[in-house]
Amino acid sequence: MTQILSAPIVARHVDSYNLEPLMLGLFVEALSTVVFAFTKSYGAWCFARAISGISSSCIISSGFLHVQRRFANDPEGMGQSMSLVATGIIMGVTFGPPLGGLLYGISEPLPFLFLICLICLCALLTYMLSLRLPPDITDKADSVKETNEEFKSKLKKLLYDPNITITLLSLFCANAAISCLEATFGLYMDKQFGFTVEQIGMLYIIGAVPSVIGSKIAGDLGNKHGRWKVVWVGMVMQGGFYALGPKDNFPVEITSLIGLGLGMGLVDGCAPALLAQRAGSHHDGTGIVYTLNTMAVQGGFVFGPLVGSAIMQGMGFGKMSAVLGLAMVAVSPLMIVNRNMPLPGEEGVEFSKVGDGEIDEEL
């Protein structure tokens, strides 16, 4: 929730800086981790978790914006690099819990002390990188000194662009689906198959590894076939395998996890580059779009468990999966709105300029 609430503040200032927001985010994350390592107070933990959301908003928005600026003249390189960034995020989410559990078993503060060292290393590397930024990147941040009215106008233009909003919707759906699964899957596997917590954790990895693979290959696939097509296929895969049943058949459940994870990887690995392409061609390369990206992802993580848990209580896990999966498949054709966007690296192709009237017509 704090990540969503802090997003407008980050969006207001991210364009005016280079890597400073990323370093600020790392500092706040280190502070949060110190609280977890050395306190036993639930109130302090809530505070630490809250400021961790703020740090995440700074890190993701600034990080993606830096990649966009770095590869402004290399569309294919930007697509590959952004898919690598998304892979890094997914790998952290995937391998963080088992690694944390392993270190916690050795000593309670150990996983947090390990994270503090890792964050400090990242901060040092970021600082060294900031000293070596070429002038064409630093000048972009220095040239952005906008008023509140100019910021509001830029934000409104983004939100009225269907290419942006539909791509954000795909991110929202993909992350709402996976967060809904996280909130209900463990309960179902415990009740249906009698699995232990450790066994359920291993099953999460079965779905997470294909997600890492999907995000890694998404960049190359988007460069070759069109990013909007990759996101569309990812949504269909995620929704279709989510709905796959019967859920009380264990091999079917494993197949569902693998396909669902791969589909999510394709969406999360290609959508940021698609947003960057549209922002670069129509919105002066603004970093606000990555803050909207963060809000869409976190909005999905808030919305998914609430709705999924309610449906599961009323209809059961199998029907919940079918409803949410088929809903995602039904939404996926909206990605056609991006059909006029050229393949990365195409020369002599003018990006589709959508006027106000055309926006209304396409909506």
Protein backbone atom coordinates (compact mmCIF):
# COMPACT_ATOMS: atom_id res chain seq x y z
CA MET A 1 0.00 0.00 0.00
CA THR A 2 2.81 2.46 0.78
CA GLN A 3 4.41 1.62 -2.56
CA ILE A 4 1.16 2.64 -4.29
CA LEU A 5 0.71 5.75 -2.12
CA SER A 6 4.31 6.91 -2.61
CA ALA A 7 4.21 6.38 -6.37
CA PRO A 8 2.78 9.85 -7.24
CA ILE A 9 5.59 11.56 -5.31
CA VAL A 10 8.21 9.43 -7.05
CA ALA A 11 6.55 10.07 -10.42
CA ARG A 12 6.65 13.83 -9.82
CA HIS A 13 10.45 13.89 -9.44
CA VAL A 14 11.89 10.82 -11.18
CA ASP A 15 12.43 12.57 -14.54
CA SER A 16 14.60 15.27 -12.92
CA TYR A 17 17.23 12.86 -11.61
CA ASN A 18 19.53 10.13 -12.83
CA LEU A 19 20.44 7.38 -10.35
CA GLU A 20 19.81 9.39 -7.17
CA PRO A 21 16.32 7.91 -6.55
CA LEU A 22 17.77 4.42 -6.94
CA MET A 23 20.46 5.15 -4.33
CA LEU A 24 17.84 6.69 -2.03
CA GLY A 25 15.73 3.56 -2.40
CA LEU A 26 18.70 1.34 -1.51
CA PHE A 27 19.40 3.46 1.59
CA VAL A 28 15.78 3.18 2.76
CA GLU A 29 15.81 -0.57 2.05
CA ALA A 30 18.96 -0.93 4.15
CA LEU A 31 17.27 0.97 7.00
CA SER A 32 14.24 -1.32 6.76
CA THR A 33 16.45 -4.42 6.87
CA VAL A 34 18.35 -3.13 9.92
CA VAL A 35 15.02 -2.79 11.78
CA PHE A 36 14.12 -6.40 10.98
CA ALA A 37 17.56 -7.61 12.03
CA PHE A 38 17.77 -5.93 15.43
CA THR A 39 14.22 -5.46 16.76
CA LYS A 40 11.46 -7.75 17.99
CA SER A 41 8.62 -5.22 17.96
CA TYR A 42 5.65 -5.85 15.67
CA GLY A 43 5.07 -2.10 15.36
CA ALA A 44 8.67 -1.58 14.27
CA TRP A 45 8.30 -4.41 11.74
CA CYS A 46 5.18 -2.77 10.28
CA PHE A 47 7.12 0.49 9.93
CA ALA A 48 10.03 -1.31 8.28
CA ARG A 49 7.72 -3.12 5.86
CA ALA A 50 6.01 0.16 4.98
CA ILE A 51 9.20 2.07 4.14
CA SER A 52 10.37 -0.96 2.16
CA GLY A 53 7.46 -0.25 -0.21
CA ILE A 54 8.70 3.32 -0.65
CA SER A 55 12.22 2.08 -1.43
CA SER A 56 10.87 -0.37 -4.00
CA SER A 57 8.98 2.39 -5.79
CA CYS A 58 12.18 4.49 -6.01
CA ILE A 59 14.39 1.59 -7.13
CA ILE A 60 12.09 0.22 -9.83
CA SER A 61 11.11 3.59 -11.34
CA SER A 62 14.67 4.95 -11.39
CA GLY A 63 16.17 1.66 -12.56
CA PHE A 64 13.88 1.20 -15.55
CA LEU A 65 14.25 4.89 -16.50
CA HIS A 66 18.04 4.57 -16.47
CA VAL A 67 17.89 1.54 -18.79
CA GLN A 68 15.60 3.48 -21.13
CA ARG A 69 17.99 6.45 -21.23
CA ARG A 70 21.02 4.22 -21.64
CA PHE A 71 19.53 2.42 -24.66
CA ALA A 72 17.56 5.33 -26.13
CA ASN A 73 19.18 4.77 -29.54
CA ASP A 74 19.22 0.97 -29.37
CA PRO A 75 15.61 -0.33 -29.26
CA GLU A 76 16.63 -3.99 -29.42
CA GLY A 77 19.21 -3.56 -26.67
CA MET A 78 16.61 -1.81 -24.54
CA GLY A 79 14.18 -4.70 -24.93
CA GLN A 80 16.81 -7.27 -23.96
CA SER A 81 18.04 -5.18 -21.02
CA MET A 82 14.57 -4.55 -19.64
CA SER A 83 13.78 -8.25 -19.81
CA LEU A 84 16.97 -8.86 -17.81
CA VAL A 85 15.84 -6.30 -15.21
CA ALA A 86 12.46 -8.06 -14.97
CA THR A 87 14.30 -11.38 -14.64
CA GLY A 88 16.27 -9.92 -11.74
CA ILE A 89 13.06 -8.87 -9.99
CA ILE A 90 11.45 -12.29 -10.48
CA MET A 91 14.62 -14.11 -9.35
CA GLY A 92 14.64 -12.05 -6.16
CA VAL A 93 11.02 -12.93 -5.48
CA THR A 94 11.67 -16.60 -6.37
CA PHE A 95 14.89 -17.38 -4.57
CA GLY A 96 14.62 -14.89 -1.70
CA PRO A 97 12.21 -16.95 0.45
CA PRO A 98 14.12 -20.29 0.33
CA LEU A 99 17.46 -18.52 0.82
CA GLY A 100 16.02 -16.49 3.69
CA GLY A 101 14.59 -19.62 5.28
CA LEU A 102 17.94 -21.41 5.00
CA LEU A 103 19.87 -18.53 6.59
CA TYR A 104 17.20 -18.01 9.25
CA GLY A 105 17.60 -21.65 10.26
CA ILE A 106 21.28 -20.95 11.01
CA SER A 107 20.70 -17.69 12.88
CA GLU A 108 17.67 -15.38 13.13
CA PRO A 109 19.48 -12.12 12.15
CA LEU A 110 21.61 -13.80 9.44
CA PRO A 111 19.29 -13.34 6.41
CA PHE A 112 18.92 -9.64 7.22
CA LEU A 113 22.66 -9.15 7.77
CA PHE A 114 23.28 -10.86 4.43
CA LEU A 115 20.78 -8.50 2.78
CA ILE A 116 22.42 -5.44 4.36
CA CYS A 117 25.77 -6.46 2.87
CA LEU A 118 24.16 -7.09 -0.52
CA ILE A 119 22.36 -3.72 -0.48
CA CYS A 120 25.56 -1.89 0.47
CA LEU A 121 27.36 -3.58 -2.43
CA CYS A 122 24.57 -2.54 -4.81
CA ALA A 123 24.70 1.03 -3.49
CA LEU A 124 28.47 1.17 -4.01
CA LEU A 125 28.19 -0.12 -7.58
CA THR A 126 25.37 2.34 -8.29
CA TYR A 127 27.45 5.23 -6.97
CA MET A 128 30.42 4.19 -9.11
CA LEU A 129 28.12 3.96 -12.13
CA SER A 130 26.70 7.44 -11.43
CA LEU A 131 30.23 8.91 -11.64
CA ARG A 132 30.68 7.47 -15.13
CA LEU A 133 27.40 8.49 -16.75
CA PRO A 134 27.90 9.96 -20.23
CA PRO A 135 26.78 13.57 -20.83
CA ASP A 136 23.87 12.57 -23.07
CA ILE A 137 22.26 10.77 -20.10
CA THR A 138 22.99 13.38 -17.42
CA ASP A 139 21.77 16.17 -19.69
CA LYS A 140 18.36 14.53 -20.00
CA ALA A 141 17.76 14.76 -16.26
CA ASP A 142 19.19 18.27 -15.98
CA SER A 143 16.88 19.52 -18.75
CA VAL A 144 13.69 18.37 -16.98
CA LYS A 145 12.56 21.15 -14.64
CA GLU A 146 8.78 21.06 -14.83
CA THR A 147 6.03 22.75 -12.86
CA ASN A 148 3.20 20.93 -11.14
CA GLU A 149 0.87 21.86 -14.00
CA GLU A 150 3.29 20.46 -16.56
CA PHE A 151 3.57 17.24 -14.55
CA LYS A 152 -0.22 16.91 -14.34
CA SER A 153 -0.52 17.48 -18.09
CA LYS A 154 2.13 14.81 -18.77
CA LEU A 155 0.42 12.34 -16.43
CA LYS A 156 -3.00 12.99 -17.99
CA LYS A 157 -1.59 12.41 -21.46
CA LEU A 158 -0.17 9.06 -20.33
CA LEU A 159 -3.44 7.93 -18.76
CA TYR A 160 -5.40 8.90 -21.88
CA ASP A 161 -3.10 6.88 -24.13
CA PRO A 162 -4.74 3.47 -24.71
CA ASN A 163 -1.38 1.88 -25.59
CA ILE A 164 -0.17 2.75 -22.09
CA THR A 165 -3.34 1.93 -20.16
CA ILE A 166 -3.94 -1.44 -21.87
CA THR A 167 -0.34 -2.50 -21.22
CA LEU A 168 -0.72 -1.45 -17.58
CA LEU A 169 -3.93 -3.50 -17.45
CA SER A 170 -2.00 -6.57 -18.64
CA LEU A 171 0.50 -6.10 -15.80
CA PHE A 172 -2.32 -5.64 -13.31
CA CYS A 173 -4.05 -8.85 -14.45
CA ALA A 174 -0.85 -10.92 -14.53
CA ASN A 175 0.17 -9.93 -11.01
CA ALA A 176 -3.38 -10.12 -9.61
CA ALA A 177 -3.58 -13.70 -10.87
CA ILE A 178 -0.26 -14.77 -9.37
CA SER A 179 -0.92 -13.01 -6.05
CA CYS A 180 -4.36 -14.64 -5.85
CA LEU A 181 -2.69 -18.00 -6.38
CA GLU A 182 -0.15 -17.26 -3.64
CA ALA A 183 -2.96 -16.42 -1.21
CA THR A 184 -5.01 -19.57 -1.88
CA PHE A 185 -2.70 -22.26 -3.29
CA GLY A 186 -1.10 -23.22 0.02
CA LEU A 187 -4.45 -23.65 1.75
CA TYR A 188 -5.77 -25.81 -1.07
CA MET A 189 -2.68 -28.06 -1.28
CA ASP A 190 -2.75 -28.55 2.49
CA LYS A 191 -6.44 -29.44 2.47
CA GLN A 192 -6.52 -31.52 -0.74
CA PHE A 193 -3.17 -33.35 -0.60
CA GLY A 194 -2.01 -32.87 3.00
CA PHE A 195 1.25 -31.20 1.97
CA THR A 196 3.58 -29.65 4.55
CA VAL A 197 4.72 -26.03 4.45
CA GLU A 198 8.13 -27.11 3.09
CA GLN A 199 6.53 -29.16 0.30
CA ILE A 200 4.26 -26.28 -0.67
CA GLY A 201 7.29 -23.98 -0.79
CA MET A 202 8.99 -26.33 -3.25
CA LEU A 203 5.88 -26.31 -5.43
CA TYR A 204 6.11 -22.51 -5.65
CA ILE A 205 9.59 -22.92 -7.12
CA ILE A 206 8.17 -25.22 -9.82
CA GLY A 207 6.06 -22.29 -11.04
CA ALA A 208 8.71 -19.65 -10.40
CA VAL A 209 11.55 -21.17 -12.46
CA PRO A 210 9.53 -21.06 -15.74
CA SER A 211 8.66 -17.45 -14.85
CA VAL A 212 12.38 -16.59 -14.71
CA ILE A 213 12.95 -18.36 -18.04
CA GLY A 214 9.97 -16.58 -19.63
CA SER A 215 11.14 -13.14 -18.57
CA LYS A 216 14.65 -13.86 -19.87
CA ILE A 217 13.52 -14.89 -23.36
CA ALA A 218 10.80 -12.22 -23.56
CA GLY A 219 13.23 -9.53 -24.70
CA ASP A 220 14.45 -11.44 -27.76
CA LEU A 221 10.95 -12.64 -28.63
CA GLY A 222 9.62 -9.08 -28.41
CA ASN A 223 12.39 -7.78 -30.67
CA LYS A 224 11.68 -10.43 -33.30
CA HIS A 225 7.89 -10.72 -33.25
CA GLY A 226 6.57 -7.57 -31.56
CA ARG A 227 6.33 -6.90 -27.85
CA TRP A 228 2.56 -6.58 -27.79
CA LYS A 229 2.23 -10.06 -29.29
CA VAL A 230 4.49 -11.54 -26.60
CA VAL A 231 2.46 -9.88 -23.85
CA TRP A 232 -0.78 -11.12 -25.46
CA VAL A 233 0.53 -14.70 -25.70
CA GLY A 234 1.74 -14.48 -22.10
CA MET A 235 -1.70 -13.40 -20.88
CA VAL A 236 -3.40 -16.23 -22.80
CA MET A 237 -0.91 -18.76 -21.44
CA GLN A 238 -1.21 -17.52 -17.88
CA GLY A 239 -5.01 -17.43 -17.98
CA GLY A 240 -5.38 -20.72 -19.84
CA PHE A 241 -3.09 -22.70 -17.56
CA TYR A 242 -4.62 -21.00 -14.51
CA ALA A 243 -8.03 -22.33 -15.56
CA LEU A 244 -6.66 -25.80 -16.41
CA GLY A 245 -8.31 -28.55 -14.37
CA PRO A 246 -9.25 -30.70 -12.62
CA LYS A 247 -7.28 -29.21 -9.75
CA ASP A 248 -7.49 -32.34 -7.62
CA ASN A 249 -5.31 -34.14 -10.21
CA PHE A 250 -1.72 -33.57 -9.10
CA PRO A 251 0.01 -33.87 -12.54
CA VAL A 252 -2.53 -31.39 -13.96
CA GLU A 253 -1.79 -29.01 -11.08
CA ILE A 254 1.96 -29.18 -11.76
CA THR A 255 1.37 -28.57 -15.48
CA SER A 256 -0.81 -25.59 -14.56
CA LEU A 257 1.93 -24.09 -12.38
CA ILE A 258 4.57 -24.45 -15.10
CA GLY A 259 2.43 -22.87 -17.83
CA LEU A 260 1.15 -20.13 -15.55
CA GLY A 261 4.70 -19.19 -14.49
CA LEU A 262 5.97 -19.12 -18.07
CA GLY A 263 3.08 -16.88 -19.14
CA MET A 264 3.69 -14.45 -16.30
CA GLY A 265 7.38 -14.28 -17.21
CA LEU A 266 6.51 -13.30 -20.79
CA VAL A 267 4.19 -10.52 -19.58
CA ASP A 268 6.52 -9.10 -16.92
CA GLY A 269 9.56 -9.45 -19.17
CA CYS A 270 8.10 -7.62 -22.17
CA ALA A 271 5.57 -5.09 -20.81
CA PRO A 272 8.16 -2.61 -19.40
CA ALA A 273 9.94 -2.43 -22.77
CA LEU A 274 6.58 -1.93 -24.49
CA LEU A 275 5.82 0.95 -22.12
CA ALA A 276 9.29 2.39 -22.76
CA GLN A 277 8.79 2.19 -26.53
CA ARG A 278 5.50 4.08 -26.31
CA ALA A 279 6.85 6.61 -23.81
CA GLY A 280 9.88 7.24 -26.00
CA SER A 281 7.87 7.81 -29.17
CA HIS A 282 4.94 9.80 -27.75
CA HIS A 283 5.75 11.08 -24.26
CA ASP A 284 9.34 12.43 -24.37
CA GLY A 285 10.71 9.31 -22.69
CA THR A 286 9.20 10.16 -19.31
CA GLY A 287 9.95 7.89 -16.34
CA ILE A 288 6.45 8.44 -14.95
CA VAL A 289 5.37 5.41 -16.96
CA TYR A 290 7.50 3.14 -14.76
CA THR A 291 5.87 4.51 -11.64
CA LEU A 292 2.52 3.65 -13.23
CA ASN A 293 4.02 0.23 -13.95
CA THR A 294 4.79 -0.16 -10.24
CA MET A 295 1.27 0.95 -9.28
CA ALA A 296 -0.29 -1.58 -11.69
CA VAL A 297 1.82 -4.43 -10.31
CA GLN A 298 1.21 -3.57 -6.67
CA GLY A 299 -2.48 -2.88 -7.35
CA GLY A 300 -2.69 -6.43 -8.68
CA PHE A 301 -1.05 -7.76 -5.52
CA VAL A 302 -3.64 -5.94 -3.40
CA PHE A 303 -6.65 -6.80 -5.54
CA GLY A 304 -5.83 -10.44 -6.32
CA PRO A 305 -5.85 -11.97 -2.82
CA LEU A 306 -8.98 -10.06 -1.76
CA VAL A 307 -11.06 -11.15 -4.75
CA GLY A 308 -9.52 -14.61 -5.07
CA SER A 309 -10.03 -15.50 -1.41
CA ALA A 310 -13.67 -14.36 -1.57
CA ILE A 311 -14.34 -16.44 -4.72
CA MET A 312 -12.56 -19.47 -3.25
CA GLN A 313 -14.67 -19.36 -0.09
CA GLY A 314 -17.86 -19.25 -2.14
CA MET A 315 -17.00 -21.54 -5.07
CA GLY A 316 -13.87 -23.51 -4.23
CA PHE A 317 -10.32 -23.41 -5.58
CA GLY A 318 -11.08 -25.07 -8.92
CA LYS A 319 -13.91 -22.75 -9.91
CA MET A 320 -11.99 -19.72 -8.65
CA SER A 321 -9.08 -20.66 -10.91
CA ALA A 322 -11.39 -21.16 -13.89
CA VAL A 323 -13.17 -17.82 -13.37
CA LEU A 324 -9.98 -15.77 -12.97
CA GLY A 325 -8.10 -17.62 -15.69
CA LEU A 326 -10.84 -17.27 -18.29
CA ALA A 327 -11.31 -13.61 -17.33
CA MET A 328 -7.64 -13.02 -18.10
CA VAL A 329 -7.95 -14.75 -21.47
CA ALA A 330 -11.02 -12.62 -22.24
CA VAL A 331 -9.13 -9.39 -21.47
CA SER A 332 -6.02 -10.33 -23.49
CA PRO A 333 -7.34 -9.30 -26.99
CA LEU A 334 -7.26 -5.68 -25.81
CA MET A 335 -3.51 -5.83 -26.53
CA ILE A 336 -4.46 -5.44 -30.22
CA VAL A 337 -4.55 -1.70 -29.52
CA ASN A 338 -0.73 -1.85 -29.74
CA ARG A 339 -0.76 -3.45 -33.19
CA ASN A 340 0.50 -0.29 -34.94
CA MET A 341 3.67 -0.14 -32.89
CA PRO A 342 6.63 -1.17 -35.10
CA LEU A 343 9.12 -3.89 -34.31
CA PRO A 344 12.11 -2.60 -32.32
CA GLY A 345 14.87 -1.50 -34.66
CA GLU A 346 12.64 -1.01 -37.69
CA GLU A 347 13.80 1.94 -39.74
CA GLY A 348 11.60 4.30 -41.65
CA VAL A 349 8.53 3.39 -39.61
CA GLU A 350 6.73 6.22 -37.87
CA PHE A 351 5.13 5.35 -34.56
CA SER A 352 1.35 5.70 -34.67
CA LYS A 353 0.41 9.15 -33.43
CA VAL A 354 -2.98 8.91 -31.79
CA GLY A 355 -4.97 12.10 -31.52
CA ASP A 356 -7.68 12.83 -28.99
CA GLY A 357 -10.48 11.76 -31.31
CA GLU A 358 -8.70 8.54 -32.25
CA ILE A 359 -8.15 7.75 -28.59
CA ASP A 360 -11.86 8.00 -27.93
CA GLU A 361 -12.62 5.84 -30.97
CA GLU A 362 -10.17 3.10 -29.98
CA LEU A 363 -11.39 3.11 -26.38
